[in-house]
Amino acid sequence: MPTTRPLVEADLPVTWRIARAAFGTFMGVPDIEAHWLDRDLHTNRFHSANVEAVIAEEDGVIVGSNFATRWGSLGFFGPVSIRPDRWDGGCAQPLVAAACEMFERWGVTHQCLFTFPHSTKHIHLYGKFGFYPRFLTAVMARPAQAGELPDYSRYREFIPTVREVCEAGAKTLTDGVYDGLDLTGEIRAVAAQELGDTLLLWDGPSSLAGFAVCHWGPASEAGAGVLYIKFAVVRGGTGADARFQTLLDRAGALAASVGMGAVLAGVNLGREEAYLQMKALGFRTQFQGVAMHRGNEPGYCRPGVYALDDWR
């Protein structure tokens, strides 16, 4: 029976190799050794203060891993990765149980994950822990478009005291879509690890109207030639659609300015206005997953919310 323990830095080369093999095998890629060499979903999370990770071992050998991420009152886990020769060997359940224990310790009020909608095995596994499949999440892309970025659009350009003002504004926005939702950890991790930047949309000199946490480069989660929006939101209510379009257009301009050819972002179809607007703006679905919510709670995957994420 597999045992679990916290992941330590020395484990990362092994866990990432297992993850590449596991997802490459599941997706049927022709060259497993070359799969996902253009990104890293483990190292940056390990070094992020809002993430904890666990491994599964059998006879002292690592056979899998899982990462749990906290965004304030929201927790999600993944990627869950099991060595392909140990599939169906009971390794995944202890990893999911460990993540759920983290959620309980953190006291998060919404627990969720992203998985493959066509995999009955995955949905059945997570269902054992009370996670219910709700709406699809479309991971969509659009070519980058050159354009001007206004002054004060990039978080990393600010001194620490001004960054704190930006973080407070971001927290106000996320609180507006789900009580206690907080992306401060992600914003800081991207800056500290130079994984990309956080794009800021201002409504006047001191009022933050939206923001997007963006990854690019081989140390990030983006993939080659892509600016990946890990999370974004704009203030709701009157004018939200215009703010959303402006934020997406500026993400395209940021992508072009840093040499990326496309913008990639996930949107839950429960946020129907955001999804339909992305389609109208030329975003096209590259692949899709299903969001599973513990207790079948909607969280902020509901109409009227202009937010982007995919919880991968």
C-alpha atoms as a PDB file:
ATOM      1  CA  MET A   1       0.000   0.000   0.000  1.00  0.00           C
ATOM      2  CA  PRO A   2       1.460   3.390  -0.928  1.00  0.00           C
ATOM      3  CA  THR A   3       2.423   5.814   1.810  1.00  0.00           C
ATOM      4  CA  THR A   4       2.522   9.599   1.520  1.00  0.00           C
ATOM      5  CA  ARG A   5       4.882  12.272   2.777  1.00  0.00           C
ATOM      6  CA  PRO A   6       5.492  15.952   1.990  1.00  0.00           C
ATOM      7  CA  LEU A   7       7.364  16.584  -1.249  1.00  0.00           C
ATOM      8  CA  VAL A   8      10.878  18.014  -0.782  1.00  0.00           C
ATOM      9  CA  GLU A   9      12.940  19.874  -3.354  1.00  0.00           C
ATOM     10  CA  ALA A  10      15.145  16.878  -4.131  1.00  0.00           C
ATOM     11  CA  ASP A  11      12.017  15.001  -5.288  1.00  0.00           C
ATOM     12  CA  LEU A  12      11.187  17.466  -8.068  1.00  0.00           C
ATOM     13  CA  PRO A  13      13.196  15.905 -10.943  1.00  0.00           C
ATOM     14  CA  VAL A  14      11.516  12.558 -10.263  1.00  0.00           C
ATOM     15  CA  THR A  15       7.977  13.889  -9.787  1.00  0.00           C
ATOM     16  CA  TRP A  16       8.145  16.051 -12.920  1.00  0.00           C
ATOM     17  CA  ARG A  17       9.473  13.139 -14.979  1.00  0.00           C
ATOM     18  CA  ILE A  18       6.572  11.008 -13.702  1.00  0.00           C
ATOM     19  CA  ALA A  19       4.070  13.782 -14.505  1.00  0.00           C
ATOM     20  CA  ARG A  20       5.373  14.173 -18.051  1.00  0.00           C
ATOM     21  CA  ALA A  21       5.199  10.422 -18.593  1.00  0.00           C
ATOM     22  CA  ALA A  22       1.750  10.080 -17.028  1.00  0.00           C
ATOM     23  CA  PHE A  23       0.054  12.880 -18.940  1.00  0.00           C
ATOM     24  CA  GLY A  24       1.907  12.071 -22.152  1.00  0.00           C
ATOM     25  CA  THR A  25       0.798   8.445 -21.935  1.00  0.00           C
ATOM     26  CA  PHE A  26      -2.808   9.398 -21.179  1.00  0.00           C
ATOM     27  CA  MET A  27      -2.895  11.851 -24.090  1.00  0.00           C
ATOM     28  CA  GLY A  28      -1.170   9.419 -26.461  1.00  0.00           C
ATOM     29  CA  VAL A  29       1.740  11.682 -27.398  1.00  0.00           C
ATOM     30  CA  PRO A  30       4.231   9.966 -29.749  1.00  0.00           C
ATOM     31  CA  ASP A  31       7.403  11.006 -27.902  1.00  0.00           C
ATOM     32  CA  ILE A  32       7.046  10.800 -24.127  1.00  0.00           C
ATOM     33  CA  GLU A  33      10.605  11.961 -23.498  1.00  0.00           C
ATOM     34  CA  ALA A  34       9.944  15.243 -25.326  1.00  0.00           C
ATOM     35  CA  HIS A  35       6.555  15.868 -23.696  1.00  0.00           C
ATOM     36  CA  TRP A  36       6.237  19.151 -21.754  1.00  0.00           C
ATOM     37  CA  LEU A  37       9.906  20.053 -21.925  1.00  0.00           C
ATOM     38  CA  ASP A  38       8.785  23.625 -22.641  1.00  0.00           C
ATOM     39  CA  ARG A  39       7.130  24.193 -19.233  1.00  0.00           C
ATOM     40  CA  ASP A  40       7.240  23.265 -15.547  1.00  0.00           C
ATOM     41  CA  LEU A  41       4.128  22.705 -13.438  1.00  0.00           C
ATOM     42  CA  HIS A  42       5.996  21.510 -10.334  1.00  0.00           C
ATOM     43  CA  THR A  43       9.011  23.675  -9.464  1.00  0.00           C
ATOM     44  CA  ASN A  44       7.246  27.034  -9.336  1.00  0.00           C
ATOM     45  CA  ARG A  45       4.396  25.594  -7.281  1.00  0.00           C
ATOM     46  CA  PHE A  46       6.822  24.018  -4.834  1.00  0.00           C
ATOM     47  CA  HIS A  47       8.416  27.433  -4.298  1.00  0.00           C
ATOM     48  CA  SER A  48       5.054  29.222  -3.886  1.00  0.00           C
ATOM     49  CA  ALA A  49       3.916  30.012  -0.360  1.00  0.00           C
ATOM     50  CA  ASN A  50       0.282  29.215  -1.173  1.00  0.00           C
ATOM     51  CA  VAL A  51       0.979  25.645  -2.385  1.00  0.00           C
ATOM     52  CA  GLU A  52       1.722  22.384  -0.581  1.00  0.00           C
ATOM     53  CA  ALA A  53       2.709  19.114  -2.250  1.00  0.00           C
ATOM     54  CA  VAL A  54       2.765  15.451  -1.329  1.00  0.00           C
ATOM     55  CA  ILE A  55       4.273  12.328  -2.868  1.00  0.00           C
ATOM     56  CA  ALA A  56       3.258   8.659  -2.801  1.00  0.00           C
ATOM     57  CA  GLU A  57       5.957   6.040  -2.234  1.00  0.00           C
ATOM     58  CA  GLU A  58       6.122   2.281  -2.411  1.00  0.00           C
ATOM     59  CA  ASP A  59       9.137   0.582  -0.839  1.00  0.00           C
ATOM     60  CA  GLY A  60      10.904   3.937  -0.741  1.00  0.00           C
ATOM     61  CA  VAL A  61      10.347   4.622  -4.455  1.00  0.00           C
ATOM     62  CA  ILE A  62       8.312   7.638  -5.603  1.00  0.00           C
ATOM     63  CA  VAL A  63       5.302   6.543  -7.652  1.00  0.00           C
ATOM     64  CA  GLY A  64       3.234   9.736  -7.764  1.00  0.00           C
ATOM     65  CA  SER A  65       2.591  13.272  -6.530  1.00  0.00           C
ATOM     66  CA  ASN A  66      -0.123  15.848  -5.969  1.00  0.00           C
ATOM     67  CA  PHE A  67      -0.118  19.624  -5.422  1.00  0.00           C
ATOM     68  CA  ALA A  68      -2.728  21.549  -3.437  1.00  0.00           C
ATOM     69  CA  THR A  69      -3.106  25.282  -4.057  1.00  0.00           C
ATOM     70  CA  ARG A  70      -4.794  27.835  -1.813  1.00  0.00           C
ATOM     71  CA  TRP A  71      -6.339  30.988  -3.223  1.00  0.00           C
ATOM     72  CA  GLY A  72      -7.633  32.395   0.043  1.00  0.00           C
ATOM     73  CA  SER A  73     -10.986  30.731   0.682  1.00  0.00           C
ATOM     74  CA  LEU A  74     -10.641  28.463  -2.380  1.00  0.00           C
ATOM     75  CA  GLY A  75      -8.525  25.325  -2.647  1.00  0.00           C
ATOM     76  CA  PHE A  76      -7.856  23.136  -5.657  1.00  0.00           C
ATOM     77  CA  PHE A  77      -5.525  20.231  -6.245  1.00  0.00           C
ATOM     78  CA  GLY A  78      -3.552  18.911  -9.185  1.00  0.00           C
ATOM     79  CA  PRO A  79      -1.836  17.818 -11.201  1.00  0.00           C
ATOM     80  CA  VAL A  80      -2.205  14.337  -9.727  1.00  0.00           C
ATOM     81  CA  SER A  81       0.477  12.231 -11.417  1.00  0.00           C
ATOM     82  CA  ILE A  82       0.981   8.483 -11.081  1.00  0.00           C
ATOM     83  CA  ARG A  83       3.730   6.477 -12.747  1.00  0.00           C
ATOM     84  CA  PRO A  84       2.033   4.703 -15.692  1.00  0.00           C
ATOM     85  CA  ASP A  85       3.167   1.233 -14.608  1.00  0.00           C
ATOM     86  CA  ARG A  86       1.403   1.848 -11.262  1.00  0.00           C
ATOM     87  CA  TRP A  87      -1.946   2.939 -12.691  1.00  0.00           C
ATOM     88  CA  ASP A  88      -4.868   1.143 -11.050  1.00  0.00           C
ATOM     89  CA  GLY A  89      -2.574   0.224  -8.181  1.00  0.00           C
ATOM     90  CA  GLY A  90      -4.236   2.305  -5.475  1.00  0.00           C
ATOM     91  CA  CYS A  91      -1.691   5.148  -5.563  1.00  0.00           C
ATOM     92  CA  ALA A  92      -4.033   8.020  -6.399  1.00  0.00           C
ATOM     93  CA  GLN A  93      -6.481   7.784  -3.507  1.00  0.00           C
ATOM     94  CA  PRO A  94      -3.907   8.546  -0.764  1.00  0.00           C
ATOM     95  CA  LEU A  95      -2.743  11.586  -2.754  1.00  0.00           C
ATOM     96  CA  VAL A  96      -6.301  12.917  -3.102  1.00  0.00           C
ATOM     97  CA  ALA A  97      -6.992  12.220   0.566  1.00  0.00           C
ATOM     98  CA  ALA A  98      -3.855  14.151   1.536  1.00  0.00           C
ATOM     99  CA  ALA A  99      -4.980  17.174  -0.498  1.00  0.00           C
ATOM    100  CA  CYS A 100      -8.432  17.065   1.086  1.00  0.00           C
ATOM    101  CA  GLU A 101      -6.799  17.025   4.522  1.00  0.00           C
ATOM    102  CA  MET A 102      -4.870  20.155   3.549  1.00  0.00           C
ATOM    103  CA  PHE A 103      -8.128  21.836   2.534  1.00  0.00           C
ATOM    104  CA  GLU A 104      -9.662  21.041   5.908  1.00  0.00           C
ATOM    105  CA  ARG A 105      -6.598  22.341   7.730  1.00  0.00           C
ATOM    106  CA  TRP A 106      -6.664  25.549   5.691  1.00  0.00           C
ATOM    107  CA  GLY A 107     -10.374  26.031   6.332  1.00  0.00           C
ATOM    108  CA  VAL A 108     -11.194  26.816   2.703  1.00  0.00           C
ATOM    109  CA  THR A 109     -14.886  27.152   1.899  1.00  0.00           C
ATOM    110  CA  HIS A 110     -14.728  26.027  -1.739  1.00  0.00           C
ATOM    111  CA  GLN A 111     -12.804  22.963  -2.950  1.00  0.00           C
ATOM    112  CA  CYS A 112     -12.406  22.068  -6.600  1.00  0.00           C
ATOM    113  CA  LEU A 113     -10.303  20.538  -9.374  1.00  0.00           C
ATOM    114  CA  PHE A 114      -9.926  20.224 -13.160  1.00  0.00           C
ATOM    115  CA  THR A 115      -9.972  16.826 -14.838  1.00  0.00           C
ATOM    116  CA  PHE A 116     -10.637  15.057 -18.124  1.00  0.00           C
ATOM    117  CA  PRO A 117     -14.358  15.062 -18.985  1.00  0.00           C
ATOM    118  CA  HIS A 118     -14.126  11.848 -21.003  1.00  0.00           C
ATOM    119  CA  SER A 119     -12.398   9.852 -18.253  1.00  0.00           C
ATOM    120  CA  THR A 120     -14.975   7.980 -16.195  1.00  0.00           C
ATOM    121  CA  LYS A 121     -12.115   6.634 -14.074  1.00  0.00           C
ATOM    122  CA  HIS A 122     -10.970  10.103 -12.993  1.00  0.00           C
ATOM    123  CA  ILE A 123     -14.492  11.354 -12.329  1.00  0.00           C
ATOM    124  CA  HIS A 124     -15.294   8.226 -10.316  1.00  0.00           C
ATOM    125  CA  LEU A 125     -12.112   8.598  -8.235  1.00  0.00           C
ATOM    126  CA  TYR A 126     -12.766  12.216  -7.315  1.00  0.00           C
ATOM    127  CA  GLY A 127     -16.417  11.470  -6.746  1.00  0.00           C
ATOM    128  CA  LYS A 128     -15.401   9.189  -3.864  1.00  0.00           C
ATOM    129  CA  PHE A 129     -14.215  12.329  -2.083  1.00  0.00           C
ATOM    130  CA  GLY A 130     -17.378  14.319  -2.696  1.00  0.00           C
ATOM    131  CA  PHE A 131     -16.349  16.179  -5.862  1.00  0.00           C
ATOM    132  CA  TYR A 132     -19.142  16.609  -8.383  1.00  0.00           C
ATOM    133  CA  PRO A 133     -18.660  17.327 -12.124  1.00  0.00           C
ATOM    134  CA  ARG A 134     -20.257  20.606 -13.113  1.00  0.00           C
ATOM    135  CA  PHE A 135     -19.588  22.768 -16.197  1.00  0.00           C
ATOM    136  CA  LEU A 136     -16.871  22.257 -18.770  1.00  0.00           C
ATOM    137  CA  THR A 137     -13.832  24.525 -18.707  1.00  0.00           C
ATOM    138  CA  ALA A 138     -12.634  25.594 -22.154  1.00  0.00           C
ATOM    139  CA  VAL A 139      -8.922  26.359 -22.492  1.00  0.00           C
ATOM    140  CA  MET A 140      -8.926  28.887 -25.323  1.00  0.00           C
ATOM    141  CA  ALA A 141      -6.298  30.690 -27.400  1.00  0.00           C
ATOM    142  CA  ARG A 142      -6.031  33.740 -29.636  1.00  0.00           C
ATOM    143  CA  PRO A 143      -3.019  35.145 -31.503  1.00  0.00           C
ATOM    144  CA  ALA A 144      -1.102  37.911 -29.755  1.00  0.00           C
ATOM    145  CA  GLN A 145      -1.766  41.387 -31.100  1.00  0.00           C
ATOM    146  CA  ALA A 146       0.718  44.235 -30.935  1.00  0.00           C
ATOM    147  CA  GLY A 147      -0.539  47.267 -29.062  1.00  0.00           C
ATOM    148  CA  GLU A 148       0.357  49.889 -26.511  1.00  0.00           C
ATOM    149  CA  LEU A 149       0.249  49.145 -22.805  1.00  0.00           C
ATOM    150  CA  PRO A 150      -0.627  52.174 -20.656  1.00  0.00           C
ATOM    151  CA  ASP A 151       1.725  53.252 -17.900  1.00  0.00           C
ATOM    152  CA  TYR A 152       1.382  51.383 -14.604  1.00  0.00           C
ATOM    153  CA  SER A 153       0.094  48.220 -16.305  1.00  0.00           C
ATOM    154  CA  ARG A 154       2.700  45.810 -14.926  1.00  0.00           C
ATOM    155  CA  TYR A 155       2.964  44.780 -11.283  1.00  0.00           C
ATOM    156  CA  ARG A 156       6.679  43.965 -11.447  1.00  0.00           C
ATOM    157  CA  GLU A 157       7.505  47.562 -12.351  1.00  0.00           C
ATOM    158  CA  PHE A 158       6.324  48.858  -8.973  1.00  0.00           C
ATOM    159  CA  ILE A 159       8.249  49.287  -5.738  1.00  0.00           C
ATOM    160  CA  PRO A 160       7.118  47.090  -2.786  1.00  0.00           C
ATOM    161  CA  THR A 161       4.855  49.688  -1.161  1.00  0.00           C
ATOM    162  CA  VAL A 162       2.960  50.260  -4.408  1.00  0.00           C
ATOM    163  CA  ARG A 163       2.742  46.515  -4.996  1.00  0.00           C
ATOM    164  CA  GLU A 164       0.898  46.259  -1.694  1.00  0.00           C
ATOM    165  CA  VAL A 165      -1.668  48.753  -2.964  1.00  0.00           C
ATOM    166  CA  CYS A 166      -2.106  46.643  -6.119  1.00  0.00           C
ATOM    167  CA  GLU A 167      -2.535  43.483  -4.049  1.00  0.00           C
ATOM    168  CA  ALA A 168      -5.188  45.162  -1.905  1.00  0.00           C
ATOM    169  CA  GLY A 169      -7.054  46.258  -5.030  1.00  0.00           C
ATOM    170  CA  ALA A 170      -6.856  42.738  -6.454  1.00  0.00           C
ATOM    171  CA  LYS A 171      -8.218  41.323  -3.196  1.00  0.00           C
ATOM    172  CA  THR A 172     -11.173  43.713  -3.373  1.00  0.00           C
ATOM    173  CA  LEU A 173     -11.958  42.487  -6.888  1.00  0.00           C
ATOM    174  CA  THR A 174     -11.743  38.787  -6.017  1.00  0.00           C
ATOM    175  CA  ASP A 175     -13.801  39.300  -2.861  1.00  0.00           C
ATOM    176  CA  GLY A 176     -16.450  40.693  -5.165  1.00  0.00           C
ATOM    177  CA  VAL A 177     -16.822  37.402  -7.032  1.00  0.00           C
ATOM    178  CA  TYR A 178     -16.338  35.005  -4.089  1.00  0.00           C
ATOM    179  CA  ASP A 179     -15.940  35.891  -0.433  1.00  0.00           C
ATOM    180  CA  GLY A 180     -12.346  35.398   0.671  1.00  0.00           C
ATOM    181  CA  LEU A 181     -10.924  34.555  -2.770  1.00  0.00           C
ATOM    182  CA  ASP A 182      -7.355  35.876  -2.762  1.00  0.00           C
ATOM    183  CA  LEU A 183      -4.724  35.668  -5.509  1.00  0.00           C
ATOM    184  CA  THR A 184      -1.975  37.456  -3.575  1.00  0.00           C
ATOM    185  CA  GLY A 185       0.114  34.297  -3.360  1.00  0.00           C
ATOM    186  CA  GLU A 186       0.011  33.767  -7.117  1.00  0.00           C
ATOM    187  CA  ILE A 187       0.778  37.421  -7.859  1.00  0.00           C
ATOM    188  CA  ARG A 188       3.812  37.370  -5.575  1.00  0.00           C
ATOM    189  CA  ALA A 189       5.073  33.994  -6.788  1.00  0.00           C
ATOM    190  CA  VAL A 190       5.017  35.060 -10.436  1.00  0.00           C
ATOM    191  CA  ALA A 191       7.012  38.178  -9.608  1.00  0.00           C
ATOM    192  CA  ALA A 192       9.485  36.534  -7.227  1.00  0.00           C
ATOM    193  CA  GLN A 193      10.220  33.606  -9.549  1.00  0.00           C
ATOM    194  CA  GLU A 194      10.138  35.698 -12.751  1.00  0.00           C
ATOM    195  CA  LEU A 195       7.504  33.443 -14.301  1.00  0.00           C
ATOM    196  CA  GLY A 196       5.786  36.348 -16.093  1.00  0.00           C
ATOM    197  CA  ASP A 197       3.916  39.316 -14.658  1.00  0.00           C
ATOM    198  CA  THR A 198       0.534  40.502 -13.419  1.00  0.00           C
ATOM    199  CA  LEU A 199      -1.262  42.797 -15.839  1.00  0.00           C
ATOM    200  CA  LEU A 200      -3.210  45.630 -14.180  1.00  0.00           C
ATOM    201  CA  LEU A 201      -6.277  47.433 -15.528  1.00  0.00           C
ATOM    202  CA  TRP A 202      -7.004  50.743 -13.817  1.00  0.00           C
ATOM    203  CA  ASP A 203     -10.235  52.713 -13.656  1.00  0.00           C
ATOM    204  CA  GLY A 204      -8.853  56.103 -12.692  1.00  0.00           C
ATOM    205  CA  PRO A 205      -5.558  56.755 -10.890  1.00  0.00           C
ATOM    206  CA  SER A 206      -6.090  54.480  -7.893  1.00  0.00           C
ATOM    207  CA  SER A 207      -9.004  52.117  -8.589  1.00  0.00           C
ATOM    208  CA  LEU A 208      -8.125  48.673  -9.918  1.00  0.00           C
ATOM    209  CA  ALA A 209     -10.751  47.493 -12.411  1.00  0.00           C
ATOM    210  CA  GLY A 210      -9.165  44.164 -13.339  1.00  0.00           C
ATOM    211  CA  PHE A 211      -5.997  42.115 -13.345  1.00  0.00           C
ATOM    212  CA  ALA A 212      -4.503  39.040 -15.009  1.00  0.00           C
ATOM    213  CA  VAL A 213      -1.787  36.793 -13.556  1.00  0.00           C
ATOM    214  CA  CYS A 214       0.268  35.841 -16.615  1.00  0.00           C
ATOM    215  CA  HIS A 215       2.917  33.150 -17.195  1.00  0.00           C
ATOM    216  CA  TRP A 216       5.404  32.825 -20.039  1.00  0.00           C
ATOM    217  CA  GLY A 217       8.758  31.156 -20.577  1.00  0.00           C
ATOM    218  CA  PRO A 218      10.124  27.622 -19.951  1.00  0.00           C
ATOM    219  CA  ALA A 219      10.194  27.933 -16.138  1.00  0.00           C
ATOM    220  CA  SER A 220       6.485  28.770 -16.106  1.00  0.00           C
ATOM    221  CA  GLU A 221       3.305  26.776 -16.763  1.00  0.00           C
ATOM    222  CA  ALA A 222       2.685  28.369 -20.149  1.00  0.00           C
ATOM    223  CA  GLY A 223       4.355  26.278 -22.842  1.00  0.00           C
ATOM    224  CA  ALA A 224       6.450  27.474 -25.765  1.00  0.00           C
ATOM    225  CA  GLY A 225       5.398  30.692 -27.478  1.00  0.00           C
ATOM    226  CA  VAL A 226       2.397  31.244 -25.210  1.00  0.00           C
ATOM    227  CA  LEU A 227       1.330  33.794 -22.622  1.00  0.00           C
ATOM    228  CA  TYR A 228      -0.873  31.814 -20.245  1.00  0.00           C
ATOM    229  CA  ILE A 229      -3.398  33.619 -18.057  1.00  0.00           C
ATOM    230  CA  LYS A 230      -3.527  31.555 -14.890  1.00  0.00           C
ATOM    231  CA  PHE A 231      -6.170  33.799 -13.344  1.00  0.00           C
ATOM    232  CA  ALA A 232      -7.930  37.009 -14.353  1.00  0.00           C
ATOM    233  CA  VAL A 233     -10.956  38.974 -13.259  1.00  0.00           C
ATOM    234  CA  VAL A 234     -12.586  42.332 -13.902  1.00  0.00           C
ATOM    235  CA  ARG A 235     -15.050  44.234 -11.763  1.00  0.00           C
ATOM    236  CA  GLY A 236     -18.604  43.110 -12.445  1.00  0.00           C
ATOM    237  CA  GLY A 237     -21.714  45.124 -13.082  1.00  0.00           C
ATOM    238  CA  THR A 238     -22.276  47.791 -15.720  1.00  0.00           C
ATOM    239  CA  GLY A 239     -19.393  47.917 -18.190  1.00  0.00           C
ATOM    240  CA  ALA A 240     -17.923  44.542 -17.185  1.00  0.00           C
ATOM    241  CA  ASP A 241     -17.919  43.325 -20.783  1.00  0.00           C
ATOM    242  CA  ALA A 242     -15.935  46.368 -21.927  1.00  0.00           C
ATOM    243  CA  ARG A 243     -13.450  45.946 -19.076  1.00  0.00           C
ATOM    244  CA  PHE A 244     -13.078  42.272 -19.930  1.00  0.00           C
ATOM    245  CA  GLN A 245     -12.358  43.012 -23.588  1.00  0.00           C
ATOM    246  CA  THR A 246      -9.809  45.661 -22.643  1.00  0.00           C
ATOM    247  CA  LEU A 247      -8.012  43.273 -20.293  1.00  0.00           C
ATOM    248  CA  LEU A 248      -7.879  40.560 -22.970  1.00  0.00           C
ATOM    249  CA  ASP A 249      -6.650  43.021 -25.602  1.00  0.00           C
ATOM    250  CA  ARG A 250      -3.914  44.219 -23.287  1.00  0.00           C
ATOM    251  CA  ALA A 251      -2.938  40.629 -22.514  1.00  0.00           C
ATOM    252  CA  GLY A 252      -2.475  40.205 -26.269  1.00  0.00           C
ATOM    253  CA  ALA A 253      -0.314  43.314 -26.364  1.00  0.00           C
ATOM    254  CA  LEU A 254       1.737  42.107 -23.409  1.00  0.00           C
ATOM    255  CA  ALA A 255       2.208  38.741 -25.119  1.00  0.00           C
ATOM    256  CA  ALA A 256       3.473  40.415 -28.287  1.00  0.00           C
ATOM    257  CA  SER A 257       5.798  42.682 -26.316  1.00  0.00           C
ATOM    258  CA  VAL A 258       7.535  39.724 -24.654  1.00  0.00           C
ATOM    259  CA  GLY A 259       7.782  37.690 -27.849  1.00  0.00           C
ATOM    260  CA  MET A 260       4.892  35.280 -27.309  1.00  0.00           C
ATOM    261  CA  GLY A 261       2.711  34.385 -30.286  1.00  0.00           C
ATOM    262  CA  ALA A 262      -0.565  33.602 -28.520  1.00  0.00           C
ATOM    263  CA  VAL A 263      -2.634  34.152 -25.385  1.00  0.00           C
ATOM    264  CA  LEU A 264      -4.017  31.048 -23.652  1.00  0.00           C
ATOM    265  CA  ALA A 265      -6.681  31.162 -20.940  1.00  0.00           C
ATOM    266  CA  GLY A 266      -9.279  28.905 -19.372  1.00  0.00           C
ATOM    267  CA  VAL A 267     -12.876  29.913 -18.814  1.00  0.00           C
ATOM    268  CA  ASN A 268     -15.562  27.906 -17.069  1.00  0.00           C
ATOM    269  CA  LEU A 269     -18.733  27.675 -19.138  1.00  0.00           C
ATOM    270  CA  GLY A 270     -20.773  28.422 -16.037  1.00  0.00           C
ATOM    271  CA  ARG A 271     -19.508  31.988 -16.508  1.00  0.00           C
ATOM    272  CA  GLU A 272     -21.479  32.128 -19.699  1.00  0.00           C
ATOM    273  CA  GLU A 273     -21.034  35.806 -20.582  1.00  0.00           C
ATOM    274  CA  ALA A 274     -17.253  35.555 -20.283  1.00  0.00           C
ATOM    275  CA  TYR A 275     -17.148  32.414 -22.435  1.00  0.00           C
ATOM    276  CA  LEU A 276     -19.386  33.834 -25.142  1.00  0.00           C
ATOM    277  CA  GLN A 277     -17.433  37.077 -25.233  1.00  0.00           C
ATOM    278  CA  MET A 278     -14.151  35.208 -25.639  1.00  0.00           C
ATOM    279  CA  LYS A 279     -15.625  33.335 -28.596  1.00  0.00           C
ATOM    280  CA  ALA A 280     -16.831  36.589 -30.120  1.00  0.00           C
ATOM    281  CA  LEU A 281     -13.364  38.094 -29.677  1.00  0.00           C
ATOM    282  CA  GLY A 282     -11.726  35.299 -31.654  1.00  0.00           C
ATOM    283  CA  PHE A 283     -10.609  32.902 -28.944  1.00  0.00           C
ATOM    284  CA  ARG A 284     -10.885  29.257 -29.964  1.00  0.00           C
ATOM    285  CA  THR A 285     -10.966  26.209 -27.715  1.00  0.00           C
ATOM    286  CA  GLN A 286      -7.744  24.171 -27.767  1.00  0.00           C
ATOM    287  CA  PHE A 287      -8.955  21.520 -25.332  1.00  0.00           C
ATOM    288  CA  GLN A 288     -11.439  21.287 -22.500  1.00  0.00           C
ATOM    289  CA  GLY A 289     -11.770  19.784 -19.056  1.00  0.00           C
ATOM    290  CA  VAL A 290     -14.519  19.545 -16.495  1.00  0.00           C
ATOM    291  CA  ALA A 291     -14.564  21.455 -13.210  1.00  0.00           C
ATOM    292  CA  MET A 292     -15.421  19.277 -10.220  1.00  0.00           C
ATOM    293  CA  HIS A 293     -16.679  21.018  -7.075  1.00  0.00           C
ATOM    294  CA  ARG A 294     -16.829  19.413  -3.660  1.00  0.00           C
ATOM    295  CA  GLY A 295     -20.396  19.339  -2.415  1.00  0.00           C
ATOM    296  CA  ASN A 296     -21.582  20.522  -5.852  1.00  0.00           C
ATOM    297  CA  GLU A 297     -21.215  24.141  -4.719  1.00  0.00           C
ATOM    298  CA  PRO A 298     -21.052  26.618  -7.624  1.00  0.00           C
ATOM    299  CA  GLY A 299     -18.435  28.922  -6.108  1.00  0.00           C
ATOM    300  CA  TYR A 300     -17.852  31.713  -8.628  1.00  0.00           C
ATOM    301  CA  CYS A 301     -18.601  29.558 -11.704  1.00  0.00           C
ATOM    302  CA  ARG A 302     -21.870  31.340 -12.355  1.00  0.00           C
ATOM    303  CA  PRO A 303     -23.369  33.892 -14.768  1.00  0.00           C
ATOM    304  CA  GLY A 304     -22.265  37.475 -14.389  1.00  0.00           C
ATOM    305  CA  VAL A 305     -18.696  36.625 -13.335  1.00  0.00           C
ATOM    306  CA  TYR A 306     -15.978  37.726 -15.749  1.00  0.00           C
ATOM    307  CA  ALA A 307     -13.106  35.588 -14.485  1.00  0.00           C
ATOM    308  CA  LEU A 308     -10.562  33.297 -16.114  1.00  0.00           C
ATOM    309  CA  ASP A 309      -8.864  30.221 -14.653  1.00  0.00           C
ATOM    310  CA  ASP A 310      -8.783  26.481 -15.199  1.00  0.00           C
ATOM    311  CA  TRP A 311      -7.341  24.966 -11.968  1.00  0.00           C
ATOM    312  CA  ARG A 312      -4.901  22.721 -13.838  1.00  0.00           C
END
